[in-house]
């Protein structure tokens, strides 16, 4: 096992930096605010290949782009997600 701080870094700022996606993966002014509040003693993933759409437990609150989408473990109905494109994405031109 690795320390919780290292696990969070490997799920947030490390992939954003590796993929050169700016304004993502960290909490800082000017960045998109994606925040998860969870209990590290009860968090667990219950999805499987057979049942991939199972909710995790131990997650209390989630904000996506600064908008709360999970409050006290329940979805708020908000859908503020956005497509994230890194520097490798290019617009196709019509010929």
PDB file of N, CA and C in Angstrom:
ATOM      1  N   UNK A   1       0.842  -1.174   0.000  1.00  0.00           N
ATOM      2  CA  UNK A   1       0.000   0.000   0.000  1.00  0.00           C
ATOM      3  C   UNK A   1       0.890   1.241   0.000  1.00  0.00           C
ATOM      4  N   UNK A   2       0.325   2.304  -0.517  1.00  0.00           N
ATOM      5  CA  UNK A   2       1.043   3.574  -0.540  1.00  0.00           C
ATOM      6  C   UNK A   2       0.284   4.585   0.326  1.00  0.00           C
ATOM      7  N   UNK A   3       0.965   5.607   0.795  1.00  0.00           N
ATOM      8  CA  UNK A   3       0.273   6.629   1.600  1.00  0.00           C
ATOM      9  C   UNK A   3      -0.852   7.289   0.796  1.00  0.00           C
ATOM     10  N   UNK A   4      -1.899   7.702   1.493  1.00  0.00           N
ATOM     11  CA  UNK A   4      -3.062   8.303   0.838  1.00  0.00           C
ATOM     12  C   UNK A   4      -2.678   9.530   0.018  1.00  0.00           C
ATOM     13  N   UNK A   5      -1.729  10.319   0.499  1.00  0.00           N
ATOM     14  CA  UNK A   5      -1.294  11.508  -0.238  1.00  0.00           C
ATOM     15  C   UNK A   5      -0.698  11.138  -1.598  1.00  0.00           C
ATOM     16  N   UNK A   6       0.077  10.060  -1.626  1.00  0.00           N
ATOM     17  CA  UNK A   6       0.682   9.606  -2.883  1.00  0.00           C
ATOM     18  C   UNK A   6      -0.380   9.043  -3.828  1.00  0.00           C
ATOM     19  N   UNK A   7      -1.356   8.322  -3.285  1.00  0.00           N
ATOM     20  CA  UNK A   7      -2.442   7.787  -4.107  1.00  0.00           C
ATOM     21  C   UNK A   7      -3.228   8.926  -4.749  1.00  0.00           C
ATOM     22  N   UNK A   8      -3.529   9.960  -3.986  1.00  0.00           N
ATOM     23  CA  UNK A   8      -4.269  11.107  -4.524  1.00  0.00           C
ATOM     24  C   UNK A   8      -3.461  11.801  -5.611  1.00  0.00           C
ATOM     25  N   UNK A   9      -2.156  11.986  -5.383  1.00  0.00           N
ATOM     26  CA  UNK A   9      -1.304  12.609  -6.404  1.00  0.00           C
ATOM     27  C   UNK A   9      -1.306  11.787  -7.686  1.00  0.00           C
ATOM     28  N   UNK A  10      -1.254  10.462  -7.563  1.00  0.00           N
ATOM     29  CA  UNK A  10      -1.234   9.599  -8.743  1.00  0.00           C
ATOM     30  C   UNK A  10      -2.558   9.596  -9.498  1.00  0.00           C
ATOM     31  N   UNK A  11      -3.629  10.052  -8.859  1.00  0.00           N
ATOM     32  CA  UNK A  11      -4.940  10.127  -9.510  1.00  0.00           C
ATOM     33  C   UNK A  11      -5.290  11.534  -9.981  1.00  0.00           C
ATOM     34  N   UNK A  12      -4.475  12.521  -9.629  1.00  0.00           N
ATOM     35  CA  UNK A  12      -4.832  13.911  -9.929  1.00  0.00           C
ATOM     36  C   UNK A  12      -3.725  14.632 -10.696  1.00  0.00           C
ATOM     37  N   UNK A  13      -2.777  15.201  -9.976  1.00  0.00           N
ATOM     38  CA  UNK A  13      -1.777  16.063 -10.616  1.00  0.00           C
ATOM     39  C   UNK A  13      -0.789  15.296 -11.495  1.00  0.00           C
ATOM     40  N   UNK A  14      -0.454  14.070 -11.151  1.00  0.00           N
ATOM     41  CA  UNK A  14       0.508  13.307 -11.959  1.00  0.00           C
ATOM     42  C   UNK A  14      -0.008  13.040 -13.376  1.00  0.00           C
ATOM     43  N   UNK A  15      -1.220  12.476 -13.555  1.00  0.00           N
ATOM     44  CA  UNK A  15      -1.689  12.267 -14.938  1.00  0.00           C
ATOM     45  C   UNK A  15      -1.902  13.575 -15.693  1.00  0.00           C
ATOM     46  N   UNK A  16      -2.385  14.615 -15.007  1.00  0.00           N
ATOM     47  CA  UNK A  16      -2.580  15.901 -15.686  1.00  0.00           C
ATOM     48  C   UNK A  16      -1.243  16.439 -16.190  1.00  0.00           C
ATOM     49  N   UNK A  17      -0.208  16.356 -15.364  1.00  0.00           N
ATOM     50  CA  UNK A  17       1.113  16.838 -15.776  1.00  0.00           C
ATOM     51  C   UNK A  17       1.689  15.967 -16.889  1.00  0.00           C
ATOM     52  N   UNK A  18       1.537  14.654 -16.771  1.00  0.00           N
ATOM     53  CA  UNK A  18       2.057  13.731 -17.776  1.00  0.00           C
ATOM     54  C   UNK A  18       1.418  13.985 -19.140  1.00  0.00           C
ATOM     55  N   UNK A  19       0.117  14.248 -19.142  1.00  0.00           N
ATOM     56  CA  UNK A  19      -0.607  14.492 -20.387  1.00  0.00           C
ATOM     57  C   UNK A  19      -0.583  15.954 -20.812  1.00  0.00           C
ATOM     58  N   UNK A  20       0.134  16.778 -20.051  1.00  0.00           N
ATOM     59  CA  UNK A  20       0.267  18.212 -20.318  1.00  0.00           C
ATOM     60  C   UNK A  20      -1.094  18.898 -20.438  1.00  0.00           C
ATOM     61  N   UNK A  21      -1.994  18.531 -19.523  1.00  0.00           N
ATOM     62  CA  UNK A  21      -3.310  19.150 -19.462  1.00  0.00           C
ATOM     63  C   UNK A  21      -3.242  20.223 -18.377  1.00  0.00           C
ATOM     64  N   UNK A  22      -3.247  21.464 -18.796  1.00  0.00           N
ATOM     65  CA  UNK A  22      -3.118  22.568 -17.851  1.00  0.00           C
ATOM     66  C   UNK A  22      -4.455  22.850 -17.179  1.00  0.00           C
ATOM     67  N   UNK A  23      -4.422  23.520 -16.075  1.00  0.00           N
ATOM     68  CA  UNK A  23      -5.594  23.927 -15.303  1.00  0.00           C
ATOM     69  C   UNK A  23      -6.403  22.745 -14.780  1.00  0.00           C
ATOM     70  N   UNK A  24      -5.776  21.585 -14.651  1.00  0.00           N
ATOM     71  CA  UNK A  24      -6.430  20.380 -14.119  1.00  0.00           C
ATOM     72  C   UNK A  24      -5.476  19.671 -13.166  1.00  0.00           C
ATOM     73  N   UNK A  25      -6.058  18.865 -12.279  1.00  0.00           N
ATOM     74  CA  UNK A  25      -5.256  17.985 -11.436  1.00  0.00           C
ATOM     75  C   UNK A  25      -4.733  18.586 -10.148  1.00  0.00           C
ATOM     76  N   UNK A  26      -5.061  19.845  -9.873  1.00  0.00           N
ATOM     77  CA  UNK A  26      -4.607  20.462  -8.621  1.00  0.00           C
ATOM     78  C   UNK A  26      -5.574  21.566  -8.232  1.00  0.00           C
ATOM     79  N   UNK A  27      -5.584  21.876  -6.954  1.00  0.00           N
ATOM     80  CA  UNK A  27      -6.419  22.971  -6.462  1.00  0.00           C
ATOM     81  C   UNK A  27      -5.567  24.222  -6.413  1.00  0.00           C
ATOM     82  N   UNK A  28      -5.827  25.138  -7.325  1.00  0.00           N
ATOM     83  CA  UNK A  28      -5.096  26.397  -7.398  1.00  0.00           C
ATOM     84  C   UNK A  28      -5.972  27.417  -8.119  1.00  0.00           C
ATOM     85  N   UNK A  29      -5.728  28.672  -7.836  1.00  0.00           N
ATOM     86  CA  UNK A  29      -6.496  29.721  -8.499  1.00  0.00           C
ATOM     87  C   UNK A  29      -6.326  29.602 -10.009  1.00  0.00           C
ATOM     88  N   UNK A  30      -7.457  29.712 -10.723  1.00  0.00           N
ATOM     89  CA  UNK A  30      -7.442  29.613 -12.176  1.00  0.00           C
ATOM     90  C   UNK A  30      -7.630  28.203 -12.697  1.00  0.00           C
ATOM     91  N   UNK A  31      -7.584  27.198 -11.827  1.00  0.00           N
ATOM     92  CA  UNK A  31      -7.788  25.805 -12.238  1.00  0.00           C
ATOM     93  C   UNK A  31      -9.260  25.425 -12.072  1.00  0.00           C
ATOM     94  N   UNK A  32      -9.694  24.436 -12.833  1.00  0.00           N
ATOM     95  CA  UNK A  32     -11.044  23.912 -12.681  1.00  0.00           C
ATOM     96  C   UNK A  32     -11.112  23.156 -11.357  1.00  0.00           C
ATOM     97  N   UNK A  33     -12.164  23.383 -10.603  1.00  0.00           N
ATOM     98  CA  UNK A  33     -12.270  22.797  -9.267  1.00  0.00           C
ATOM     99  C   UNK A  33     -13.027  21.475  -9.313  1.00  0.00           C
ATOM    100  N   UNK A  34     -12.312  20.378  -9.316  1.00  0.00           N
ATOM    101  CA  UNK A  34     -12.893  19.049  -9.173  1.00  0.00           C
ATOM    102  C   UNK A  34     -12.439  18.542  -7.811  1.00  0.00           C
ATOM    103  N   UNK A  35     -13.399  18.327  -6.903  1.00  0.00           N
ATOM    104  CA  UNK A  35     -13.075  17.975  -5.522  1.00  0.00           C
ATOM    105  C   UNK A  35     -13.935  16.792  -5.090  1.00  0.00           C
ATOM    106  N   UNK A  36     -13.312  15.841  -4.381  1.00  0.00           N
ATOM    107  CA  UNK A  36     -14.030  14.705  -3.808  1.00  0.00           C
ATOM    108  C   UNK A  36     -13.751  14.683  -2.314  1.00  0.00           C
ATOM    109  N   UNK A  37     -14.826  14.601  -1.523  1.00  0.00           N
ATOM    110  CA  UNK A  37     -14.701  14.459  -0.067  1.00  0.00           C
ATOM    111  C   UNK A  37     -15.087  13.025   0.255  1.00  0.00           C
ATOM    112  N   UNK A  38     -14.146  12.272   0.828  1.00  0.00           N
ATOM    113  CA  UNK A  38     -14.401  10.865   1.105  1.00  0.00           C
ATOM    114  C   UNK A  38     -13.834  10.471   2.463  1.00  0.00           C
ATOM    115  N   UNK A  39     -14.319   9.358   2.969  1.00  0.00           N
ATOM    116  CA  UNK A  39     -13.831   8.794   4.224  1.00  0.00           C
ATOM    117  C   UNK A  39     -12.841   7.685   3.864  1.00  0.00           C
ATOM    118  N   UNK A  40     -11.558   7.886   4.140  1.00  0.00           N
ATOM    119  CA  UNK A  40     -10.567   6.875   3.740  1.00  0.00           C
ATOM    120  C   UNK A  40     -10.732   5.531   4.445  1.00  0.00           C
ATOM    121  N   UNK A  41     -11.482   5.491   5.534  1.00  0.00           N
ATOM    122  CA  UNK A  41     -11.669   4.209   6.229  1.00  0.00           C
ATOM    123  C   UNK A  41     -12.819   3.393   5.657  1.00  0.00           C
ATOM    124  N   UNK A  42     -13.712   4.035   4.882  1.00  0.00           N
ATOM    125  CA  UNK A  42     -14.869   3.296   4.357  1.00  0.00           C
ATOM    126  C   UNK A  42     -14.963   3.303   2.842  1.00  0.00           C
ATOM    127  N   UNK A  43     -14.065   4.011   2.160  1.00  0.00           N
ATOM    128  CA  UNK A  43     -14.170   4.084   0.699  1.00  0.00           C
ATOM    129  C   UNK A  43     -13.885   2.716   0.090  1.00  0.00           C
ATOM    130  N   UNK A  44     -14.743   2.330  -0.855  1.00  0.00           N
ATOM    131  CA  UNK A  44     -14.577   1.037  -1.525  1.00  0.00           C
ATOM    132  C   UNK A  44     -15.269   1.087  -2.880  1.00  0.00           C
ATOM    133  N   UNK A  45     -14.646   0.472  -3.863  1.00  0.00           N
ATOM    134  CA  UNK A  45     -15.210   0.364  -5.208  1.00  0.00           C
ATOM    135  C   UNK A  45     -15.914  -0.978  -5.306  1.00  0.00           C
ATOM    136  N   UNK A  46     -17.156  -0.982  -5.764  1.00  0.00           N
ATOM    137  CA  UNK A  46     -17.931  -2.215  -5.853  1.00  0.00           C
ATOM    138  C   UNK A  46     -18.187  -2.651  -7.291  1.00  0.00           C
ATOM    139  N   UNK A  47     -17.669  -1.916  -8.265  1.00  0.00           N
ATOM    140  CA  UNK A  47     -17.919  -2.284  -9.661  1.00  0.00           C
ATOM    141  C   UNK A  47     -17.053  -3.480 -10.062  1.00  0.00           C
ATOM    142  N   UNK A  48     -17.568  -4.231 -11.007  1.00  0.00           N
ATOM    143  CA  UNK A  48     -16.869  -5.391 -11.565  1.00  0.00           C
ATOM    144  C   UNK A  48     -17.018  -5.325 -13.082  1.00  0.00           C
ATOM    145  N   UNK A  49     -16.360  -6.223 -13.775  1.00  0.00           N
ATOM    146  CA  UNK A  49     -16.533  -6.284 -15.227  1.00  0.00           C
ATOM    147  C   UNK A  49     -17.974  -6.643 -15.573  1.00  0.00           C
ATOM    148  N   UNK A  50     -18.584  -7.515 -14.784  1.00  0.00           N
ATOM    149  CA  UNK A  50     -19.959  -7.918 -15.038  1.00  0.00           C
ATOM    150  C   UNK A  50     -20.950  -6.808 -14.677  1.00  0.00           C
ATOM    151  N   UNK A  51     -20.648  -6.035 -13.632  1.00  0.00           N
ATOM    152  CA  UNK A  51     -21.520  -4.948 -13.162  1.00  0.00           C
ATOM    153  C   UNK A  51     -20.687  -3.673 -13.001  1.00  0.00           C
ATOM    154  N   UNK A  52     -20.370  -3.004 -14.109  1.00  0.00           N
ATOM    155  CA  UNK A  52     -19.462  -1.860 -14.055  1.00  0.00           C
ATOM    156  C   UNK A  52     -20.081  -0.572 -13.499  1.00  0.00           C
ATOM    157  N   UNK A  53     -21.399  -0.501 -13.376  1.00  0.00           N
ATOM    158  CA  UNK A  53     -22.056   0.742 -12.965  1.00  0.00           C
ATOM    159  C   UNK A  53     -22.490   0.724 -11.502  1.00  0.00           C
ATOM    160  N   UNK A  54     -21.679   0.160 -10.643  1.00  0.00           N
ATOM    161  CA  UNK A  54     -21.956   0.139  -9.211  1.00  0.00           C
ATOM    162  C   UNK A  54     -21.285   1.337  -8.560  1.00  0.00           C
ATOM    163  N   UNK A  55     -21.999   2.016  -7.677  1.00  0.00           N
ATOM    164  CA  UNK A  55     -21.420   3.166  -6.992  1.00  0.00           C
ATOM    165  C   UNK A  55     -20.414   2.733  -5.939  1.00  0.00           C
ATOM    166  N   UNK A  56     -19.401   3.564  -5.749  1.00  0.00           N
ATOM    167  CA  UNK A  56     -18.445   3.361  -4.658  1.00  0.00           C
ATOM    168  C   UNK A  56     -19.107   3.804  -3.356  1.00  0.00           C
ATOM    169  N   UNK A  57     -18.655   3.276  -2.250  1.00  0.00           N
ATOM    170  CA  UNK A  57     -19.124   3.725  -0.947  1.00  0.00           C
ATOM    171  C   UNK A  57     -18.022   4.540  -0.283  1.00  0.00           C
ATOM    172  N   UNK A  58     -18.418   5.364   0.674  1.00  0.00           N
ATOM    173  CA  UNK A  58     -17.457   6.188   1.400  1.00  0.00           C
ATOM    174  C   UNK A  58     -17.256   7.565   0.798  1.00  0.00           C
ATOM    175  N   UNK A  59     -17.889   7.858  -0.353  1.00  0.00           N
ATOM    176  CA  UNK A  59     -17.787   9.175  -0.985  1.00  0.00           C
ATOM    177  C   UNK A  59     -18.978  10.000  -0.508  1.00  0.00           C
ATOM    178  N   UNK A  60     -18.700  11.155   0.098  1.00  0.00           N
ATOM    179  CA  UNK A  60     -19.769  11.990   0.656  1.00  0.00           C
ATOM    180  C   UNK A  60     -20.184  13.127  -0.279  1.00  0.00           C
ATOM    181  N   UNK A  61     -19.185  13.850  -0.803  1.00  0.00           N
ATOM    182  CA  UNK A  61     -19.468  15.038  -1.613  1.00  0.00           C
ATOM    183  C   UNK A  61     -18.525  15.073  -2.813  1.00  0.00           C
ATOM    184  N   UNK A  62     -19.031  15.566  -3.956  1.00  0.00           N
ATOM    185  CA  UNK A  62     -18.206  15.731  -5.163  1.00  0.00           C
ATOM    186  C   UNK A  62     -18.584  17.048  -5.831  1.00  0.00           C
ATOM    187  N   UNK A  63     -17.578  17.812  -6.214  1.00  0.00           N
ATOM    188  CA  UNK A  63     -17.759  19.019  -7.017  1.00  0.00           C
ATOM    189  C   UNK A  63     -17.030  18.820  -8.332  1.00  0.00           C
ATOM    190  N   UNK A  64     -17.672  19.143  -9.436  1.00  0.00           N
ATOM    191  CA  UNK A  64     -17.075  19.074 -10.767  1.00  0.00           C
ATOM    192  C   UNK A  64     -17.138  20.482 -11.352  1.00  0.00           C
ATOM    193  N   UNK A  65     -15.989  20.998 -11.741  1.00  0.00           N
ATOM    194  CA  UNK A  65     -15.897  22.365 -12.262  1.00  0.00           C
ATOM    195  C   UNK A  65     -16.549  23.376 -11.318  1.00  0.00           C
ATOM    196  N   UNK A  66     -16.403  23.127 -10.022  1.00  0.00           N
ATOM    197  CA  UNK A  66     -16.912  24.052  -9.011  1.00  0.00           C
ATOM    198  C   UNK A  66     -18.383  23.898  -8.674  1.00  0.00           C
ATOM    199  N   UNK A  67     -19.076  22.929  -9.274  1.00  0.00           N
ATOM    200  CA  UNK A  67     -20.505  22.711  -9.023  1.00  0.00           C
ATOM    201  C   UNK A  67     -20.683  21.388  -8.283  1.00  0.00           C
ATOM    202  N   UNK A  68     -21.440  21.406  -7.190  1.00  0.00           N
ATOM    203  CA  UNK A  68     -21.633  20.183  -6.414  1.00  0.00           C
ATOM    204  C   UNK A  68     -22.555  19.225  -7.153  1.00  0.00           C
ATOM    205  N   UNK A  69     -22.069  18.006  -7.388  1.00  0.00           N
ATOM    206  CA  UNK A  69     -22.853  16.985  -8.087  1.00  0.00           C
ATOM    207  C   UNK A  69     -23.238  15.829  -7.166  1.00  0.00           C
ATOM    208  N   UNK A  70     -22.569  15.697  -6.030  1.00  0.00           N
ATOM    209  CA  UNK A  70     -22.913  14.687  -5.027  1.00  0.00           C
ATOM    210  C   UNK A  70     -22.935  15.384  -3.676  1.00  0.00           C
ATOM    211  N   UNK A  71     -24.070  15.299  -2.976  1.00  0.00           N
ATOM    212  CA  UNK A  71     -24.208  15.930  -1.669  1.00  0.00           C
ATOM    213  C   UNK A  71     -24.723  14.878  -0.700  1.00  0.00           C
ATOM    214  N   UNK A  72     -23.973  14.647   0.363  1.00  0.00           N
ATOM    215  CA  UNK A  72     -24.325  13.625   1.354  1.00  0.00           C
ATOM    216  C   UNK A  72     -24.578  12.272   0.687  1.00  0.00           C
ATOM    217  N   UNK A  73     -23.778  11.949  -0.323  1.00  0.00           N
ATOM    218  CA  UNK A  73     -23.868  10.659  -0.998  1.00  0.00           C
ATOM    219  C   UNK A  73     -24.939  10.554  -2.058  1.00  0.00           C
ATOM    220  N   UNK A  74     -25.688  11.624  -2.317  1.00  0.00           N
ATOM    221  CA  UNK A  74     -26.770  11.603  -3.306  1.00  0.00           C
ATOM    222  C   UNK A  74     -26.468  12.559  -4.453  1.00  0.00           C
ATOM    223  N   UNK A  75     -26.779  12.130  -5.685  1.00  0.00           N
ATOM    224  CA  UNK A  75     -26.560  12.976  -6.858  1.00  0.00           C
ATOM    225  C   UNK A  75     -27.504  14.169  -6.817  1.00  0.00           C
ATOM    226  N   UNK A  76     -26.989  15.352  -7.126  1.00  0.00           N
ATOM    227  CA  UNK A  76     -27.796  16.578  -7.096  1.00  0.00           C
ATOM    228  C   UNK A  76     -28.546  16.821  -8.395  1.00  0.00           C
ATOM    229  N   UNK A  77     -28.217  16.091  -9.453  1.00  0.00           N
ATOM    230  CA  UNK A  77     -28.821  16.313 -10.762  1.00  0.00           C
ATOM    231  C   UNK A  77     -27.977  17.212 -11.652  1.00  0.00           C
ATOM    232  N   UNK A  78     -26.986  17.873 -11.066  1.00  0.00           N
ATOM    233  CA  UNK A  78     -26.106  18.752 -11.847  1.00  0.00           C
ATOM    234  C   UNK A  78     -25.188  17.918 -12.734  1.00  0.00           C
ATOM    235  N   UNK A  79     -24.888  18.450 -13.918  1.00  0.00           N
ATOM    236  CA  UNK A  79     -23.995  17.773 -14.869  1.00  0.00           C
ATOM    237  C   UNK A  79     -23.040  18.791 -15.485  1.00  0.00           C
ATOM    238  N   UNK A  80     -22.124  19.354 -14.683  1.00  0.00           N
ATOM    239  CA  UNK A  80     -21.239  20.405 -15.189  1.00  0.00           C
ATOM    240  C   UNK A  80     -19.964  19.904 -15.857  1.00  0.00           C
ATOM    241  N   UNK A  81     -19.863  18.610 -16.137  1.00  0.00           N
ATOM    242  CA  UNK A  81     -18.659  18.064 -16.746  1.00  0.00           C
ATOM    243  C   UNK A  81     -18.364  18.667 -18.113  1.00  0.00           C
ATOM    244  N   UNK A  82     -17.081  18.644 -18.468  1.00  0.00           N
ATOM    245  CA  UNK A  82     -16.632  19.176 -19.763  1.00  0.00           C
ATOM    246  C   UNK A  82     -15.652  18.194 -20.384  1.00  0.00           C
ATOM    247  N   UNK A  83     -15.560  18.224 -21.687  1.00  0.00           N
ATOM    248  CA  UNK A  83     -14.563  17.421 -22.386  1.00  0.00           C
ATOM    249  C   UNK A  83     -13.190  18.014 -22.072  1.00  0.00           C
ATOM    250  N   UNK A  84     -12.241  17.154 -21.733  1.00  0.00           N
ATOM    251  CA  UNK A  84     -10.873  17.603 -21.462  1.00  0.00           C
ATOM    252  C   UNK A  84     -10.003  17.112 -22.609  1.00  0.00           C
ATOM    253  N   UNK A  85      -9.390  18.054 -23.295  1.00  0.00           N
ATOM    254  CA  UNK A  85      -8.526  17.696 -24.427  1.00  0.00           C
ATOM    255  C   UNK A  85      -7.121  18.172 -24.145  1.00  0.00           C
ATOM    256  N   UNK A  86      -6.170  17.283 -24.347  1.00  0.00           N
ATOM    257  CA  UNK A  86      -4.768  17.626 -24.162  1.00  0.00           C
ATOM    258  C   UNK A  86      -4.153  18.156 -25.439  1.00  0.00           C
ATOM    259  N   UNK A  87      -2.843  18.387 -25.416  1.00  0.00           N
ATOM    260  CA  UNK A  87      -2.174  18.982 -26.571  1.00  0.00           C
ATOM    261  C   UNK A  87      -2.141  18.083 -27.802  1.00  0.00           C
ATOM    262  N   UNK A  88      -2.428  16.786 -27.656  1.00  0.00           N
ATOM    263  CA  UNK A  88      -2.421  15.878 -28.800  1.00  0.00           C
ATOM    264  C   UNK A  88      -3.699  15.918 -29.614  1.00  0.00           C
ATOM    265  N   UNK A  89      -4.738  16.569 -29.080  1.00  0.00           N
ATOM    266  CA  UNK A  89      -6.019  16.641 -29.778  1.00  0.00           C
ATOM    267  C   UNK A  89      -5.933  17.729 -30.846  1.00  0.00           C
ATOM    268  N   UNK A  90      -6.402  17.394 -32.030  1.00  0.00           N
ATOM    269  CA  UNK A  90      -6.388  18.358 -33.134  1.00  0.00           C
ATOM    270  C   UNK A  90      -7.762  18.385 -33.781  1.00  0.00           C
ATOM    271  N   UNK A  91      -8.139  19.550 -34.238  1.00  0.00           N
ATOM    272  CA  UNK A  91      -9.402  19.695 -34.948  1.00  0.00           C
ATOM    273  C   UNK A  91      -9.216  19.144 -36.356  1.00  0.00           C
ATOM    274  N   UNK A  92     -10.148  18.278 -36.777  1.00  0.00           N
ATOM    275  CA  UNK A  92     -10.112  17.754 -38.153  1.00  0.00           C
ATOM    276  C   UNK A  92     -10.655  18.806 -39.091  1.00  0.00           C
ATOM    277  N   UNK A  93      -9.949  19.041 -40.148  1.00  0.00           N
ATOM    278  CA  UNK A  93     -10.439  19.989 -41.152  1.00  0.00           C
ATOM    279  C   UNK A  93     -11.120  19.193 -42.265  1.00  0.00           C
ATOM    280  N   UNK A  94     -12.175  19.767 -42.794  1.00  0.00           N
ATOM    281  CA  UNK A  94     -12.854  19.098 -43.902  1.00  0.00           C
ATOM    282  C   UNK A  94     -12.131  19.392 -45.191  1.00  0.00           C
ATOM    283  N   UNK A  95     -12.013  18.382 -46.058  1.00  0.00           N
ATOM    284  CA  UNK A  95     -11.348  18.600 -47.346  1.00  0.00           C
ATOM    285  C   UNK A  95     -12.304  18.540 -48.479  1.00  0.00           C
TER     286      UNK A  95
END
